[in-house]
N, C-alpha and C. Protein backbone atom coordinates (compact mmCIF):
# COMPACT_ATOMS: atom_id res chain seq x y z
N MET A 1 20.95 -14.92 0.50
CA MET A 1 22.26 -15.51 0.63
C MET A 1 23.28 -14.40 0.93
N LYS A 2 24.18 -14.66 1.85
CA LYS A 2 25.16 -13.69 2.28
C LYS A 2 26.31 -13.62 1.26
N GLN A 3 26.70 -12.38 0.88
CA GLN A 3 27.83 -12.22 -0.03
C GLN A 3 29.14 -12.22 0.73
N ILE A 4 30.18 -12.70 0.09
CA ILE A 4 31.50 -12.79 0.70
C ILE A 4 32.27 -11.52 0.36
N GLU A 5 33.01 -10.97 1.32
CA GLU A 5 33.85 -9.81 1.07
C GLU A 5 35.01 -10.20 0.18
N ALA A 6 35.59 -9.21 -0.47
CA ALA A 6 36.69 -9.47 -1.42
C ALA A 6 37.89 -10.09 -0.72
N ARG A 7 38.23 -9.58 0.47
CA ARG A 7 39.40 -10.14 1.19
C ARG A 7 39.17 -11.60 1.57
N GLU A 8 37.95 -11.88 2.00
CA GLU A 8 37.64 -13.26 2.38
C GLU A 8 37.68 -14.18 1.16
N ALA A 9 37.20 -13.69 0.04
CA ALA A 9 37.22 -14.48 -1.20
C ALA A 9 38.66 -14.75 -1.65
N VAL A 10 39.52 -13.77 -1.55
CA VAL A 10 40.92 -13.94 -1.93
C VAL A 10 41.58 -14.96 -0.99
N GLY A 11 41.29 -14.88 0.31
CA GLY A 11 41.84 -15.82 1.27
C GLY A 11 41.39 -17.23 0.99
N LEU A 12 40.10 -17.39 0.67
CA LEU A 12 39.58 -18.72 0.35
C LEU A 12 40.23 -19.27 -0.90
N LEU A 13 40.42 -18.41 -1.90
CA LEU A 13 41.03 -18.85 -3.15
C LEU A 13 42.50 -19.26 -2.91
N ARG A 14 43.22 -18.53 -2.08
CA ARG A 14 44.59 -18.90 -1.78
C ARG A 14 44.66 -20.24 -1.04
N ASN A 15 43.78 -20.41 -0.08
CA ASN A 15 43.76 -21.69 0.66
C ASN A 15 43.42 -22.86 -0.24
N MET A 16 42.44 -22.65 -1.12
CA MET A 16 42.04 -23.72 -2.05
C MET A 16 43.19 -24.04 -2.98
N THR A 17 43.92 -23.04 -3.44
CA THR A 17 45.05 -23.26 -4.34
C THR A 17 46.13 -24.05 -3.62
N ARG A 18 46.40 -23.71 -2.37
CA ARG A 18 47.42 -24.47 -1.60
C ARG A 18 47.02 -25.91 -1.44
N VAL A 19 45.76 -26.14 -1.10
CA VAL A 19 45.29 -27.52 -0.90
C VAL A 19 45.39 -28.32 -2.20
N LEU A 20 44.98 -27.72 -3.31
CA LEU A 20 45.04 -28.41 -4.60
C LEU A 20 46.48 -28.67 -5.01
N CYS A 21 47.41 -27.77 -4.71
CA CYS A 21 48.83 -28.02 -5.00
C CYS A 21 49.37 -29.18 -4.19
N VAL A 22 49.02 -29.25 -2.92
CA VAL A 22 49.46 -30.36 -2.07
C VAL A 22 48.89 -31.68 -2.61
N VAL A 23 47.60 -31.67 -2.95
CA VAL A 23 46.99 -32.89 -3.50
C VAL A 23 47.67 -33.29 -4.82
N GLY A 24 47.95 -32.34 -5.66
CA GLY A 24 48.64 -32.64 -6.92
C GLY A 24 50.02 -33.22 -6.70
N ILE A 25 50.79 -32.66 -5.77
CA ILE A 25 52.11 -33.17 -5.50
C ILE A 25 52.05 -34.58 -4.92
N LEU A 26 51.12 -34.83 -4.02
CA LEU A 26 50.96 -36.16 -3.45
C LEU A 26 50.55 -37.17 -4.53
N ALA A 27 49.68 -36.75 -5.45
CA ALA A 27 49.26 -37.64 -6.53
C ALA A 27 50.45 -37.97 -7.44
N LEU A 28 51.30 -36.98 -7.74
CA LEU A 28 52.47 -37.22 -8.57
C LEU A 28 53.44 -38.20 -7.88
N VAL A 29 53.66 -38.00 -6.60
CA VAL A 29 54.54 -38.92 -5.86
C VAL A 29 53.96 -40.32 -5.86
N PHE A 30 52.67 -40.43 -5.63
CA PHE A 30 52.00 -41.73 -5.59
C PHE A 30 52.14 -42.47 -6.92
N THR A 31 51.86 -41.77 -8.04
CA THR A 31 51.95 -42.45 -9.35
C THR A 31 53.40 -42.77 -9.69
N THR A 32 54.33 -41.90 -9.35
CA THR A 32 55.73 -42.18 -9.64
C THR A 32 56.21 -43.43 -8.90
N VAL A 33 55.86 -43.53 -7.62
CA VAL A 33 56.26 -44.71 -6.84
C VAL A 33 55.63 -45.97 -7.43
N ASN A 34 54.33 -45.92 -7.75
CA ASN A 34 53.66 -47.09 -8.29
C ASN A 34 54.23 -47.54 -9.63
N VAL A 35 54.48 -46.59 -10.51
CA VAL A 35 55.03 -46.94 -11.84
C VAL A 35 56.43 -47.51 -11.68
N THR A 36 57.24 -46.91 -10.79
CA THR A 36 58.58 -47.40 -10.58
C THR A 36 58.57 -48.82 -10.00
N ARG A 37 57.72 -49.04 -9.02
CA ARG A 37 57.64 -50.39 -8.42
C ARG A 37 57.15 -51.41 -9.46
N PHE A 38 56.16 -51.03 -10.27
CA PHE A 38 55.64 -51.94 -11.30
C PHE A 38 56.74 -52.28 -12.31
N ALA A 39 57.48 -51.26 -12.73
CA ALA A 39 58.54 -51.49 -13.73
C ALA A 39 59.66 -52.35 -13.17
N THR A 40 60.05 -52.10 -11.91
CA THR A 40 61.15 -52.89 -11.35
C THR A 40 60.75 -54.35 -11.13
N THR A 41 59.47 -54.61 -10.87
CA THR A 41 59.05 -56.01 -10.73
C THR A 41 59.03 -56.71 -12.08
N ARG A 42 59.05 -55.94 -13.16
CA ARG A 42 59.11 -56.51 -14.50
C ARG A 42 60.54 -56.51 -15.05
N HIS A 43 61.50 -56.35 -14.15
CA HIS A 43 62.95 -56.43 -14.44
C HIS A 43 63.43 -55.29 -15.35
N VAL A 44 62.80 -54.12 -15.24
CA VAL A 44 63.29 -52.92 -15.90
C VAL A 44 64.37 -52.31 -14.99
N PRO A 45 65.50 -51.93 -15.53
CA PRO A 45 66.55 -51.33 -14.69
C PRO A 45 66.04 -50.09 -13.94
N LEU A 46 66.51 -49.90 -12.71
CA LEU A 46 66.01 -48.82 -11.85
C LEU A 46 66.12 -47.42 -12.44
N PRO A 47 67.23 -47.05 -13.09
CA PRO A 47 67.27 -45.68 -13.67
C PRO A 47 66.18 -45.46 -14.71
N ILE A 48 65.89 -46.46 -15.49
CA ILE A 48 64.85 -46.34 -16.50
C ILE A 48 63.48 -46.33 -15.84
N ALA A 49 63.28 -47.17 -14.84
CA ALA A 49 61.99 -47.28 -14.15
C ALA A 49 61.63 -45.95 -13.47
N VAL A 50 62.63 -45.26 -12.93
CA VAL A 50 62.37 -43.99 -12.27
C VAL A 50 61.95 -42.91 -13.28
N LEU A 51 62.46 -42.98 -14.47
CA LEU A 51 62.15 -41.97 -15.49
C LEU A 51 60.87 -42.24 -16.28
N LEU A 52 60.30 -43.41 -16.14
CA LEU A 52 59.11 -43.74 -16.95
C LEU A 52 57.95 -42.79 -16.69
N ASP A 53 57.60 -42.58 -15.44
CA ASP A 53 56.42 -41.76 -15.13
C ASP A 53 56.59 -40.31 -15.56
N PRO A 54 57.73 -39.66 -15.25
CA PRO A 54 57.87 -38.27 -15.73
C PRO A 54 57.85 -38.15 -17.26
N VAL A 55 58.45 -39.11 -17.94
CA VAL A 55 58.48 -39.05 -19.41
C VAL A 55 57.07 -39.22 -19.98
N ILE A 56 56.34 -40.19 -19.46
CA ILE A 56 54.97 -40.42 -19.93
C ILE A 56 54.05 -39.24 -19.58
N GLY A 57 54.20 -38.71 -18.37
CA GLY A 57 53.39 -37.57 -17.96
C GLY A 57 53.66 -36.34 -18.80
N THR A 58 54.92 -36.10 -19.11
CA THR A 58 55.28 -34.95 -19.95
C THR A 58 54.73 -35.13 -21.37
N ALA A 59 54.85 -36.32 -21.89
CA ALA A 59 54.32 -36.61 -23.23
C ALA A 59 52.80 -36.43 -23.27
N LEU A 60 52.11 -36.92 -22.25
CA LEU A 60 50.67 -36.76 -22.19
C LEU A 60 50.27 -35.31 -22.09
N ALA A 61 50.96 -34.55 -21.25
CA ALA A 61 50.65 -33.11 -21.11
C ALA A 61 50.88 -32.38 -22.44
N GLY A 62 51.98 -32.74 -23.14
CA GLY A 62 52.24 -32.13 -24.42
C GLY A 62 51.20 -32.43 -25.46
N VAL A 63 50.77 -33.68 -25.51
CA VAL A 63 49.72 -34.08 -26.47
C VAL A 63 48.42 -33.36 -26.17
N LEU A 64 48.05 -33.28 -24.91
CA LEU A 64 46.80 -32.58 -24.55
C LEU A 64 46.88 -31.10 -24.85
N TYR A 65 48.03 -30.49 -24.62
CA TYR A 65 48.21 -29.07 -24.90
C TYR A 65 48.11 -28.81 -26.43
N ILE A 66 48.81 -29.63 -27.20
CA ILE A 66 48.78 -29.47 -28.65
C ILE A 66 47.38 -29.71 -29.19
N ASP A 67 46.67 -30.70 -28.63
CA ASP A 67 45.32 -31.00 -29.06
C ASP A 67 44.38 -29.80 -28.81
N THR A 68 44.52 -29.15 -27.63
CA THR A 68 43.68 -28.00 -27.36
C THR A 68 44.02 -26.83 -28.27
N ARG A 69 45.29 -26.64 -28.60
CA ARG A 69 45.69 -25.57 -29.49
C ARG A 69 45.14 -25.82 -30.91
N LEU A 70 45.22 -27.09 -31.35
CA LEU A 70 44.71 -27.40 -32.68
C LEU A 70 43.19 -27.28 -32.76
N ALA A 71 42.54 -27.65 -31.68
CA ALA A 71 41.07 -27.56 -31.64
C ALA A 71 40.60 -26.12 -31.64
N ALA A 72 41.41 -25.24 -31.08
CA ALA A 72 41.05 -23.82 -31.03
C ALA A 72 41.20 -23.23 -32.42
């Protein structure tokens, strides 16, 4: 099996990071739009509907972070 040079490996890692960041941003936009649309169809006021996804996402990230710290 052929080994990859260090420069090529760094380039591949940078490209993979860029692609994953784009995918992550698109996923966040997708979920935010869907949650907002779902909430507005249930007669939730628009300012509250827009904030639902970021608030829930932040709470989930916080819970997962605290859980990993407690488990360690």
